[in-house]
C-alpha atoms as a PDB file:
ATOM      1  CA  UNK A   1     -42.280  26.042  33.232  1.00  0.00           C
ATOM      2  CA  UNK A   2     -43.175  29.774  32.687  1.00  0.00           C
ATOM      3  CA  UNK A   3     -46.581  31.297  33.321  1.00  0.00           C
ATOM      4  CA  UNK A   4     -48.260  34.190  31.449  1.00  0.00           C
ATOM      5  CA  UNK A   5     -51.234  35.724  29.836  1.00  0.00           C
ATOM      6  CA  UNK A   6     -52.126  35.754  26.140  1.00  0.00           C
ATOM      7  CA  UNK A   7     -51.870  39.355  25.094  1.00  0.00           C
ATOM      8  CA  UNK A   8     -52.787  38.824  21.496  1.00  0.00           C
ATOM      9  CA  UNK A   9     -53.514  35.808  19.210  1.00  0.00           C
ATOM     10  CA  UNK A  10     -54.554  35.918  15.637  1.00  0.00           C
ATOM     11  CA  UNK A  11     -56.201  32.469  14.609  1.00  0.00           C
ATOM     12  CA  UNK A  12     -56.043  33.444  10.858  1.00  0.00           C
ATOM     13  CA  UNK A  13     -52.427  34.220  10.898  1.00  0.00           C
ATOM     14  CA  UNK A  14     -51.400  31.634  13.345  1.00  0.00           C
ATOM     15  CA  UNK A  15     -49.432  33.721  15.824  1.00  0.00           C
ATOM     16  CA  UNK A  16     -49.544  36.008  18.787  1.00  0.00           C
ATOM     17  CA  UNK A  17     -47.742  37.099  21.989  1.00  0.00           C
ATOM     18  CA  UNK A  18     -47.634  35.954  25.556  1.00  0.00           C
ATOM     19  CA  UNK A  19     -46.850  38.289  28.492  1.00  0.00           C
ATOM     20  CA  UNK A  20     -44.896  36.563  31.114  1.00  0.00           C
ATOM     21  CA  UNK A  21     -46.401  36.911  34.727  1.00  0.00           C
ATOM     22  CA  UNK A  22     -44.540  39.049  37.050  1.00  0.00           C
ATOM     23  CA  UNK A  23     -42.312  40.490  34.200  1.00  0.00           C
ATOM     24  CA  UNK A  24     -42.650  42.913  31.318  1.00  0.00           C
ATOM     25  CA  UNK A  25     -41.184  40.227  29.031  1.00  0.00           C
ATOM     26  CA  UNK A  26     -43.378  39.299  25.968  1.00  0.00           C
ATOM     27  CA  UNK A  27     -42.704  36.351  23.873  1.00  0.00           C
ATOM     28  CA  UNK A  28     -43.916  35.429  20.271  1.00  0.00           C
ATOM     29  CA  UNK A  29     -45.969  32.310  19.937  1.00  0.00           C
ATOM     30  CA  UNK A  30     -46.679  30.420  16.588  1.00  0.00           C
ATOM     31  CA  UNK A  31     -49.546  28.111  16.217  1.00  0.00           C
ATOM     32  CA  UNK A  32     -47.039  25.197  15.817  1.00  0.00           C
ATOM     33  CA  UNK A  33     -45.936  25.838  19.463  1.00  0.00           C
ATOM     34  CA  UNK A  34     -49.447  25.264  20.954  1.00  0.00           C
ATOM     35  CA  UNK A  35     -50.373  22.227  23.001  1.00  0.00           C
ATOM     36  CA  UNK A  36     -53.901  23.691  23.488  1.00  0.00           C
ATOM     37  CA  UNK A  37     -56.097  26.120  21.762  1.00  0.00           C
ATOM     38  CA  UNK A  38     -55.679  29.672  23.237  1.00  0.00           C
ATOM     39  CA  UNK A  39     -57.432  33.010  23.118  1.00  0.00           C
ATOM     40  CA  UNK A  40     -56.638  36.465  24.261  1.00  0.00           C
ATOM     41  CA  UNK A  41     -56.587  36.930  28.006  1.00  0.00           C
ATOM     42  CA  UNK A  42     -56.100  33.107  28.622  1.00  0.00           C
ATOM     43  CA  UNK A  43     -53.774  32.285  31.486  1.00  0.00           C
ATOM     44  CA  UNK A  44     -51.091  29.843  30.082  1.00  0.00           C
ATOM     45  CA  UNK A  45     -47.962  27.873  31.046  1.00  0.00           C
ATOM     46  CA  UNK A  46     -45.102  27.654  28.489  1.00  0.00           C
ATOM     47  CA  UNK A  47     -41.458  26.788  27.724  1.00  0.00           C
ATOM     48  CA  UNK A  48     -38.999  28.905  25.897  1.00  0.00           C
ATOM     49  CA  UNK A  49     -37.024  27.890  22.718  1.00  0.00           C
ATOM     50  CA  UNK A  50     -34.555  29.881  20.771  1.00  0.00           C
ATOM     51  CA  UNK A  51     -36.221  31.002  17.397  1.00  0.00           C
ATOM     52  CA  UNK A  52     -34.829  32.952  14.479  1.00  0.00           C
ATOM     53  CA  UNK A  53     -35.469  36.383  16.028  1.00  0.00           C
ATOM     54  CA  UNK A  54     -35.169  35.405  19.779  1.00  0.00           C
ATOM     55  CA  UNK A  55     -37.016  33.466  22.459  1.00  0.00           C
ATOM     56  CA  UNK A  56     -40.425  31.808  21.348  1.00  0.00           C
ATOM     57  CA  UNK A  57     -43.004  30.371  23.567  1.00  0.00           C
ATOM     58  CA  UNK A  58     -43.444  26.652  22.995  1.00  0.00           C
ATOM     59  CA  UNK A  59     -45.533  23.730  24.448  1.00  0.00           C
ATOM     60  CA  UNK A  60     -48.171  26.434  25.412  1.00  0.00           C
ATOM     61  CA  UNK A  61     -50.969  25.172  27.537  1.00  0.00           C
ATOM     62  CA  UNK A  62     -53.981  26.745  29.256  1.00  0.00           C
ATOM     63  CA  UNK A  63     -53.281  27.062  32.947  1.00  0.00           C
END
């Protein structure tokens, strides 16, 4: 399980980005990958899954 912070999330468009803790990596997150409702600056845990354009955050939960 990975940990990170929601850098950006647009409810209207249904996507955003999560910055991984202790890393400069950022991952795309789609509303379909959320287990909990999230907002910018929320601390979250997530798993990674290969998407069409690279790794995506899935099973995203507030920490």
